[in-house]
Amino acid sequence: MADLPMLLEQISIRMRKLRNSSLTDRELMILESLSNRGSMTISEITADSDVTESTVSNSVSTLWRKGFVSKSTDLNDQRNKIINLKGEGKQALEKEQRLRRRRFEIFLKALNPSEEESQIIEKLISRAIGALDKMQQQSQ
């Protein structure tokens, strides 16, 4: 088990290298948050992430320049900007999600697991997702 963290890191590194996207992981996270929750302020997006408000603001500005989000002023508080996902952003997100799914399908096909191994992998990944969700809740 001592090598498992290193192996997981190696998988992560190699998966990132295979990624061919004009969007950063942070930009994708923002687009996913907006897609799931609708309009959000920078503060709300920051609360969903593990980075500073300044970093989120910079990423939102990049997404705005790409035409993926719109910004409007909060009528209740002029200091706040409301960020909305535009159609172009939704399309970019869906394209990246399709590519990501396809990469994982190819990866799993290359692994060629038996039915029993597939069930074990599925159980372990489900447990890992639960553990990561729990870790995220505890860090907030």
N, C-alpha and C. Protein backbone atom coordinates (compact mmCIF):
# COMPACT_ATOMS: atom_id res chain seq x y z
N MET A 1 0.82 -1.20 0.00
CA MET A 1 0.00 0.00 0.00
C MET A 1 0.86 1.26 0.00
N ALA A 2 2.12 1.13 0.40
CA ALA A 2 3.00 2.30 0.47
C ALA A 2 3.19 2.94 -0.91
N ASP A 3 3.14 2.16 -1.97
CA ASP A 3 3.33 2.69 -3.32
C ASP A 3 2.04 3.23 -3.93
N LEU A 4 0.90 2.95 -3.33
CA LEU A 4 -0.38 3.35 -3.90
C LEU A 4 -0.51 4.87 -4.11
N PRO A 5 -0.17 5.72 -3.14
CA PRO A 5 -0.26 7.17 -3.40
C PRO A 5 0.61 7.61 -4.59
N MET A 6 1.80 7.02 -4.69
CA MET A 6 2.67 7.37 -5.81
C MET A 6 2.06 6.90 -7.14
N LEU A 7 1.48 5.73 -7.15
CA LEU A 7 0.85 5.21 -8.37
C LEU A 7 -0.33 6.07 -8.79
N LEU A 8 -1.14 6.48 -7.81
CA LEU A 8 -2.28 7.35 -8.12
C LEU A 8 -1.81 8.69 -8.69
N GLU A 9 -0.73 9.22 -8.12
CA GLU A 9 -0.17 10.48 -8.62
C GLU A 9 0.34 10.30 -10.06
N GLN A 10 0.95 9.17 -10.35
CA GLN A 10 1.45 8.91 -11.70
C GLN A 10 0.29 8.82 -12.70
N ILE A 11 -0.81 8.20 -12.30
CA ILE A 11 -2.00 8.14 -13.17
C ILE A 11 -2.50 9.56 -13.42
N SER A 12 -2.58 10.36 -12.36
CA SER A 12 -3.06 11.73 -12.49
C SER A 12 -2.19 12.54 -13.44
N ILE A 13 -0.89 12.42 -13.30
CA ILE A 13 0.05 13.15 -14.17
C ILE A 13 -0.15 12.74 -15.62
N ARG A 14 -0.23 11.45 -15.86
CA ARG A 14 -0.37 10.96 -17.23
C ARG A 14 -1.71 11.35 -17.85
N MET A 15 -2.77 11.35 -17.03
CA MET A 15 -4.09 11.75 -17.54
C MET A 15 -4.08 13.24 -17.92
N ARG A 16 -3.41 14.07 -17.11
CA ARG A 16 -3.31 15.50 -17.44
C ARG A 16 -2.54 15.71 -18.74
N LYS A 17 -1.50 14.91 -18.96
CA LYS A 17 -0.71 15.03 -20.18
C LYS A 17 -1.54 14.67 -21.41
N LEU A 18 -2.48 13.76 -21.26
CA LEU A 18 -3.33 13.36 -22.38
C LEU A 18 -4.39 14.40 -22.71
N ARG A 19 -4.66 15.26 -21.74
CA ARG A 19 -5.70 16.26 -21.89
C ARG A 19 -5.28 17.31 -22.92
N ASN A 20 -6.13 17.51 -23.89
CA ASN A 20 -5.85 18.48 -24.93
C ASN A 20 -7.01 19.46 -24.96
N SER A 21 -6.92 20.48 -24.12
CA SER A 21 -8.03 21.40 -23.96
C SER A 21 -7.52 22.83 -23.88
N SER A 22 -8.33 23.74 -24.35
CA SER A 22 -7.99 25.16 -24.22
C SER A 22 -8.44 25.71 -22.87
N LEU A 23 -9.07 24.86 -22.06
CA LEU A 23 -9.55 25.26 -20.74
C LEU A 23 -8.68 24.65 -19.65
N THR A 24 -8.38 25.43 -18.63
CA THR A 24 -7.63 24.91 -17.49
C THR A 24 -8.58 24.12 -16.59
N ASP A 25 -8.01 23.35 -15.67
CA ASP A 25 -8.83 22.62 -14.71
C ASP A 25 -9.71 23.59 -13.91
N ARG A 26 -9.14 24.72 -13.52
CA ARG A 26 -9.88 25.72 -12.74
C ARG A 26 -11.05 26.29 -13.55
N GLU A 27 -10.80 26.59 -14.82
CA GLU A 27 -11.88 27.12 -15.67
C GLU A 27 -12.98 26.09 -15.84
N LEU A 28 -12.60 24.83 -16.00
CA LEU A 28 -13.61 23.76 -16.10
C LEU A 28 -14.43 23.66 -14.82
N MET A 29 -13.75 23.77 -13.67
CA MET A 29 -14.45 23.70 -12.39
C MET A 29 -15.48 24.83 -12.28
N ILE A 30 -15.09 26.02 -12.73
CA ILE A 30 -16.01 27.17 -12.68
C ILE A 30 -17.20 26.94 -13.60
N LEU A 31 -16.94 26.48 -14.82
CA LEU A 31 -18.03 26.20 -15.76
C LEU A 31 -18.96 25.13 -15.21
N GLU A 32 -18.39 24.10 -14.58
CA GLU A 32 -19.21 23.03 -13.99
C GLU A 32 -20.07 23.57 -12.85
N SER A 33 -19.48 24.42 -12.01
CA SER A 33 -20.25 25.01 -10.91
C SER A 33 -21.42 25.84 -11.44
N LEU A 34 -21.15 26.66 -12.45
CA LEU A 34 -22.21 27.49 -13.03
C LEU A 34 -23.27 26.64 -13.71
N SER A 35 -22.85 25.58 -14.36
CA SER A 35 -23.80 24.69 -15.02
C SER A 35 -24.70 24.00 -14.01
N ASN A 36 -24.12 23.59 -12.88
CA ASN A 36 -24.88 22.87 -11.85
C ASN A 36 -25.75 23.78 -11.00
N ARG A 37 -25.24 24.98 -10.69
CA ARG A 37 -25.93 25.85 -9.72
C ARG A 37 -26.59 27.08 -10.32
N GLY A 38 -26.27 27.40 -11.57
CA GLY A 38 -26.83 28.61 -12.16
C GLY A 38 -25.98 29.81 -11.81
N SER A 39 -26.57 30.98 -11.85
CA SER A 39 -25.85 32.23 -11.58
C SER A 39 -25.19 32.19 -10.22
N MET A 40 -23.95 32.72 -10.16
CA MET A 40 -23.20 32.74 -8.90
C MET A 40 -22.36 33.99 -8.84
N THR A 41 -22.03 34.41 -7.63
CA THR A 41 -21.07 35.50 -7.44
C THR A 41 -19.67 34.89 -7.37
N ILE A 42 -18.65 35.74 -7.47
CA ILE A 42 -17.27 35.29 -7.33
C ILE A 42 -17.08 34.62 -5.96
N SER A 43 -17.67 35.21 -4.92
CA SER A 43 -17.55 34.64 -3.57
C SER A 43 -18.16 33.24 -3.50
N GLU A 44 -19.28 33.04 -4.15
CA GLU A 44 -19.92 31.71 -4.15
C GLU A 44 -19.07 30.70 -4.91
N ILE A 45 -18.51 31.12 -6.03
CA ILE A 45 -17.64 30.21 -6.79
C ILE A 45 -16.40 29.87 -5.95
N THR A 46 -15.84 30.87 -5.28
CA THR A 46 -14.66 30.65 -4.44
C THR A 46 -14.97 29.65 -3.32
N ALA A 47 -16.16 29.75 -2.74
CA ALA A 47 -16.55 28.83 -1.66
C ALA A 47 -16.60 27.38 -2.16
N ASP A 48 -16.84 27.19 -3.46
CA ASP A 48 -16.88 25.85 -4.04
C ASP A 48 -15.50 25.32 -4.42
N SER A 49 -14.48 26.15 -4.28
CA SER A 49 -13.15 25.75 -4.75
C SER A 49 -12.14 25.80 -3.63
N ASP A 50 -10.90 25.51 -3.99
CA ASP A 50 -9.82 25.52 -2.99
C ASP A 50 -8.79 26.60 -3.31
N VAL A 51 -9.23 27.66 -3.96
CA VAL A 51 -8.32 28.75 -4.33
C VAL A 51 -8.88 30.09 -3.83
N THR A 52 -8.07 31.12 -3.95
CA THR A 52 -8.46 32.43 -3.44
C THR A 52 -9.48 33.10 -4.36
N GLU A 53 -10.14 34.11 -3.82
CA GLU A 53 -11.10 34.88 -4.59
C GLU A 53 -10.42 35.58 -5.77
N SER A 54 -9.20 36.05 -5.56
CA SER A 54 -8.44 36.70 -6.63
C SER A 54 -8.19 35.73 -7.79
N THR A 55 -7.83 34.50 -7.47
CA THR A 55 -7.58 33.49 -8.50
C THR A 55 -8.86 33.18 -9.27
N VAL A 56 -9.96 33.02 -8.54
CA VAL A 56 -11.26 32.77 -9.20
C VAL A 56 -11.62 33.95 -10.09
N SER A 57 -11.43 35.16 -9.59
CA SER A 57 -11.74 36.36 -10.36
C SER A 57 -10.95 36.41 -11.67
N ASN A 58 -9.67 36.06 -11.60
CA ASN A 58 -8.84 36.03 -12.80
C ASN A 58 -9.34 34.98 -13.80
N SER A 59 -9.70 33.80 -13.29
CA SER A 59 -10.20 32.75 -14.17
C SER A 59 -11.53 33.14 -14.80
N VAL A 60 -12.40 33.78 -14.02
CA VAL A 60 -13.69 34.25 -14.55
C VAL A 60 -13.45 35.29 -15.64
N SER A 61 -12.49 36.17 -15.43
CA SER A 61 -12.17 37.17 -16.46
C SER A 61 -11.70 36.51 -17.75
N THR A 62 -10.90 35.47 -17.62
CA THR A 62 -10.46 34.72 -18.80
C THR A 62 -11.64 34.08 -19.51
N LEU A 63 -12.54 33.47 -18.73
CA LEU A 63 -13.74 32.86 -19.33
C LEU A 63 -14.62 33.91 -19.99
N TRP A 64 -14.69 35.09 -19.42
CA TRP A 64 -15.47 36.19 -20.00
C TRP A 64 -14.86 36.61 -21.34
N ARG A 65 -13.52 36.74 -21.38
CA ARG A 65 -12.84 37.11 -22.64
C ARG A 65 -13.06 36.05 -23.72
N LYS A 66 -13.16 34.79 -23.31
CA LYS A 66 -13.40 33.70 -24.27
C LYS A 66 -14.87 33.65 -24.71
N GLY A 67 -15.72 34.44 -24.04
CA GLY A 67 -17.14 34.46 -24.38
C GLY A 67 -17.95 33.35 -23.75
N PHE A 68 -17.41 32.72 -22.69
CA PHE A 68 -18.08 31.58 -22.07
C PHE A 68 -18.99 31.97 -20.91
N VAL A 69 -18.76 33.14 -20.32
CA VAL A 69 -19.59 33.61 -19.22
C VAL A 69 -19.92 35.09 -19.44
N SER A 70 -20.97 35.52 -18.77
CA SER A 70 -21.30 36.94 -18.76
C SER A 70 -21.23 37.43 -17.32
N LYS A 71 -21.02 38.73 -17.17
CA LYS A 71 -20.96 39.35 -15.84
C LYS A 71 -22.02 40.45 -15.80
N SER A 72 -22.70 40.51 -14.70
CA SER A 72 -23.64 41.61 -14.49
C SER A 72 -23.53 42.06 -13.04
N THR A 73 -23.97 43.27 -12.77
CA THR A 73 -23.89 43.82 -11.42
C THR A 73 -25.09 43.36 -10.62
N ASP A 74 -24.82 42.95 -9.39
CA ASP A 74 -25.86 42.54 -8.45
C ASP A 74 -26.66 43.79 -8.08
N LEU A 75 -27.95 43.79 -8.33
CA LEU A 75 -28.79 44.95 -8.04
C LEU A 75 -28.89 45.23 -6.55
N ASN A 76 -28.71 44.19 -5.73
CA ASN A 76 -28.78 44.36 -4.27
C ASN A 76 -27.46 44.85 -3.67
N ASP A 77 -26.37 44.62 -4.37
CA ASP A 77 -25.05 45.03 -3.88
C ASP A 77 -24.17 45.33 -5.08
N GLN A 78 -24.01 46.59 -5.39
CA GLN A 78 -23.28 47.03 -6.59
C GLN A 78 -21.84 46.51 -6.64
N ARG A 79 -21.28 46.13 -5.49
CA ARG A 79 -19.90 45.64 -5.46
C ARG A 79 -19.77 44.23 -6.02
N ASN A 80 -20.86 43.48 -5.99
CA ASN A 80 -20.84 42.09 -6.44
C ASN A 80 -21.17 41.97 -7.92
N LYS A 81 -20.48 41.04 -8.56
CA LYS A 81 -20.78 40.70 -9.94
C LYS A 81 -21.45 39.33 -9.97
N ILE A 82 -22.50 39.23 -10.74
CA ILE A 82 -23.19 37.96 -10.95
C ILE A 82 -22.61 37.33 -12.21
N ILE A 83 -22.17 36.08 -12.10
CA ILE A 83 -21.57 35.38 -13.23
C ILE A 83 -22.57 34.36 -13.75
N ASN A 84 -22.79 34.40 -15.07
CA ASN A 84 -23.73 33.48 -15.72
C ASN A 84 -23.02 32.70 -16.80
N LEU A 85 -23.40 31.44 -16.95
CA LEU A 85 -22.86 30.60 -18.01
C LEU A 85 -23.60 30.92 -19.31
N LYS A 86 -22.84 31.22 -20.36
CA LYS A 86 -23.43 31.49 -21.66
C LYS A 86 -23.50 30.18 -22.47
N GLY A 87 -24.24 30.20 -23.55
CA GLY A 87 -24.36 29.02 -24.40
C GLY A 87 -23.01 28.49 -24.88
N GLU A 88 -22.12 29.41 -25.24
CA GLU A 88 -20.79 29.00 -25.70
C GLU A 88 -20.01 28.29 -24.60
N GLY A 89 -20.18 28.75 -23.37
CA GLY A 89 -19.52 28.10 -22.23
C GLY A 89 -20.09 26.72 -21.98
N LYS A 90 -21.40 26.61 -22.09
CA LYS A 90 -22.07 25.31 -21.90
C LYS A 90 -21.58 24.32 -22.97
N GLN A 91 -21.46 24.79 -24.21
CA GLN A 91 -20.97 23.92 -25.29
C GLN A 91 -19.53 23.50 -25.05
N ALA A 92 -18.68 24.43 -24.62
CA ALA A 92 -17.28 24.10 -24.34
C ALA A 92 -17.18 23.08 -23.21
N LEU A 93 -18.00 23.26 -22.17
CA LEU A 93 -18.01 22.34 -21.05
C LEU A 93 -18.46 20.95 -21.50
N GLU A 94 -19.54 20.89 -22.26
CA GLU A 94 -20.05 19.60 -22.73
C GLU A 94 -19.04 18.90 -23.63
N LYS A 95 -18.35 19.66 -24.47
CA LYS A 95 -17.32 19.08 -25.34
C LYS A 95 -16.20 18.48 -24.49
N GLU A 96 -15.74 19.22 -23.49
CA GLU A 96 -14.67 18.72 -22.63
C GLU A 96 -15.12 17.50 -21.84
N GLN A 97 -16.37 17.49 -21.38
CA GLN A 97 -16.88 16.33 -20.65
C GLN A 97 -16.94 15.09 -21.55
N ARG A 98 -17.35 15.29 -22.82
CA ARG A 98 -17.38 14.16 -23.77
C ARG A 98 -15.97 13.63 -24.01
N LEU A 99 -15.00 14.55 -24.20
CA LEU A 99 -13.61 14.13 -24.42
C LEU A 99 -13.04 13.41 -23.21
N ARG A 100 -13.36 13.92 -22.02
CA ARG A 100 -12.88 13.29 -20.79
C ARG A 100 -13.46 11.88 -20.65
N ARG A 101 -14.76 11.74 -20.90
CA ARG A 101 -15.40 10.43 -20.83
C ARG A 101 -14.76 9.47 -21.82
N ARG A 102 -14.50 9.97 -23.03
CA ARG A 102 -13.89 9.13 -24.07
C ARG A 102 -12.49 8.69 -23.66
N ARG A 103 -11.70 9.59 -23.08
CA ARG A 103 -10.36 9.22 -22.62
C ARG A 103 -10.43 8.13 -21.56
N PHE A 104 -11.39 8.24 -20.65
CA PHE A 104 -11.53 7.21 -19.62
C PHE A 104 -11.99 5.89 -20.22
N GLU A 105 -12.88 5.93 -21.20
CA GLU A 105 -13.32 4.70 -21.87
C GLU A 105 -12.13 4.00 -22.54
N ILE A 106 -11.29 4.77 -23.23
CA ILE A 106 -10.11 4.21 -23.88
C ILE A 106 -9.15 3.65 -22.84
N PHE A 107 -8.96 4.39 -21.75
CA PHE A 107 -8.08 3.96 -20.67
C PHE A 107 -8.56 2.63 -20.09
N LEU A 108 -9.87 2.54 -19.79
CA LEU A 108 -10.39 1.31 -19.20
C LEU A 108 -10.34 0.15 -20.18
N LYS A 109 -10.56 0.44 -21.46
CA LYS A 109 -10.47 -0.61 -22.47
C LYS A 109 -9.03 -1.13 -22.54
N ALA A 110 -8.05 -0.24 -22.46
CA ALA A 110 -6.64 -0.63 -22.50
C ALA A 110 -6.27 -1.48 -21.28
N LEU A 111 -6.91 -1.20 -20.14
CA LEU A 111 -6.67 -2.02 -18.94
C LEU A 111 -7.17 -3.44 -19.14
N ASN A 112 -8.26 -3.58 -19.89
CA ASN A 112 -8.87 -4.87 -20.19
C ASN A 112 -9.13 -5.69 -18.94
N PRO A 113 -9.86 -5.10 -17.97
CA PRO A 113 -10.12 -5.84 -16.73
C PRO A 113 -11.15 -6.95 -16.94
N SER A 114 -11.01 -8.00 -16.16
CA SER A 114 -12.02 -9.05 -16.15
C SER A 114 -13.29 -8.48 -15.50
N GLU A 115 -14.37 -9.22 -15.56
CA GLU A 115 -15.62 -8.78 -14.94
C GLU A 115 -15.43 -8.57 -13.44
N GLU A 116 -14.74 -9.49 -12.81
CA GLU A 116 -14.48 -9.39 -11.37
C GLU A 116 -13.61 -8.16 -11.06
N GLU A 117 -12.57 -7.93 -11.86
CA GLU A 117 -11.71 -6.77 -11.66
C GLU A 117 -12.49 -5.47 -11.88
N SER A 118 -13.38 -5.47 -12.87
CA SER A 118 -14.22 -4.28 -13.13
C SER A 118 -15.08 -3.95 -11.92
N GLN A 119 -15.66 -4.97 -11.30
CA GLN A 119 -16.49 -4.76 -10.12
C GLN A 119 -15.65 -4.21 -8.96
N ILE A 120 -14.45 -4.73 -8.80
CA ILE A 120 -13.56 -4.26 -7.72
C ILE A 120 -13.16 -2.81 -7.99
N ILE A 121 -12.79 -2.50 -9.23
CA ILE A 121 -12.41 -1.13 -9.59
C ILE A 121 -13.57 -0.18 -9.32
N GLU A 122 -14.77 -0.58 -9.72
CA GLU A 122 -15.96 0.26 -9.52
C GLU A 122 -16.21 0.51 -8.04
N LYS A 123 -16.09 -0.51 -7.21
CA LYS A 123 -16.29 -0.34 -5.76
C LYS A 123 -15.23 0.58 -5.17
N LEU A 124 -13.96 0.39 -5.56
CA LEU A 124 -12.88 1.22 -5.03
C LEU A 124 -13.04 2.68 -5.45
N ILE A 125 -13.41 2.90 -6.70
CA ILE A 125 -13.60 4.27 -7.17
C ILE A 125 -14.78 4.92 -6.46
N SER A 126 -15.85 4.19 -6.25
CA SER A 126 -17.00 4.73 -5.52
C SER A 126 -16.60 5.11 -4.09
N ARG A 127 -15.80 4.25 -3.45
CA ARG A 127 -15.31 4.57 -2.11
C ARG A 127 -14.41 5.78 -2.12
N ALA A 128 -13.55 5.88 -3.15
CA ALA A 128 -12.63 7.01 -3.26
C ALA A 128 -13.41 8.32 -3.42
N ILE A 129 -14.46 8.30 -4.22
CA ILE A 129 -15.29 9.50 -4.40
C ILE A 129 -15.91 9.91 -3.07
N GLY A 130 -16.44 8.95 -2.34
CA GLY A 130 -17.01 9.25 -1.03
C GLY A 130 -15.98 9.82 -0.07
N ALA A 131 -14.79 9.25 -0.07
CA ALA A 131 -13.72 9.74 0.81
C ALA A 131 -13.30 11.15 0.43
N LEU A 132 -13.19 11.42 -0.87
CA LEU A 132 -12.82 12.77 -1.33
C LEU A 132 -13.90 13.79 -0.98
N ASP A 133 -15.16 13.41 -1.14
CA ASP A 133 -16.26 14.31 -0.76
C ASP A 133 -16.21 14.61 0.73
N LYS A 134 -15.93 13.58 1.54
CA LYS A 134 -15.86 13.77 2.99
C LYS A 134 -14.68 14.69 3.34
N MET A 135 -13.54 14.49 2.70
CA MET A 135 -12.36 15.34 2.93
C MET A 135 -12.66 16.78 2.57
N GLN A 136 -13.38 16.99 1.48
CA GLN A 136 -13.71 18.35 1.04
C GLN A 136 -14.64 19.01 2.06
N GLN A 137 -15.64 18.28 2.56
CA GLN A 137 -16.56 18.85 3.56
C GLN A 137 -15.82 19.21 4.83
N GLN A 138 -14.87 18.39 5.24
CA GLN A 138 -14.12 18.65 6.47
C GLN A 138 -13.19 19.85 6.33
N SER A 139 -12.75 20.12 5.11
CA SER A 139 -11.82 21.24 4.91
C SER A 139 -12.54 22.57 4.83
N GLN A 140 -13.85 22.55 4.77
CA GLN A 140 -14.62 23.81 4.64
C GLN A 140 -15.00 24.36 5.99
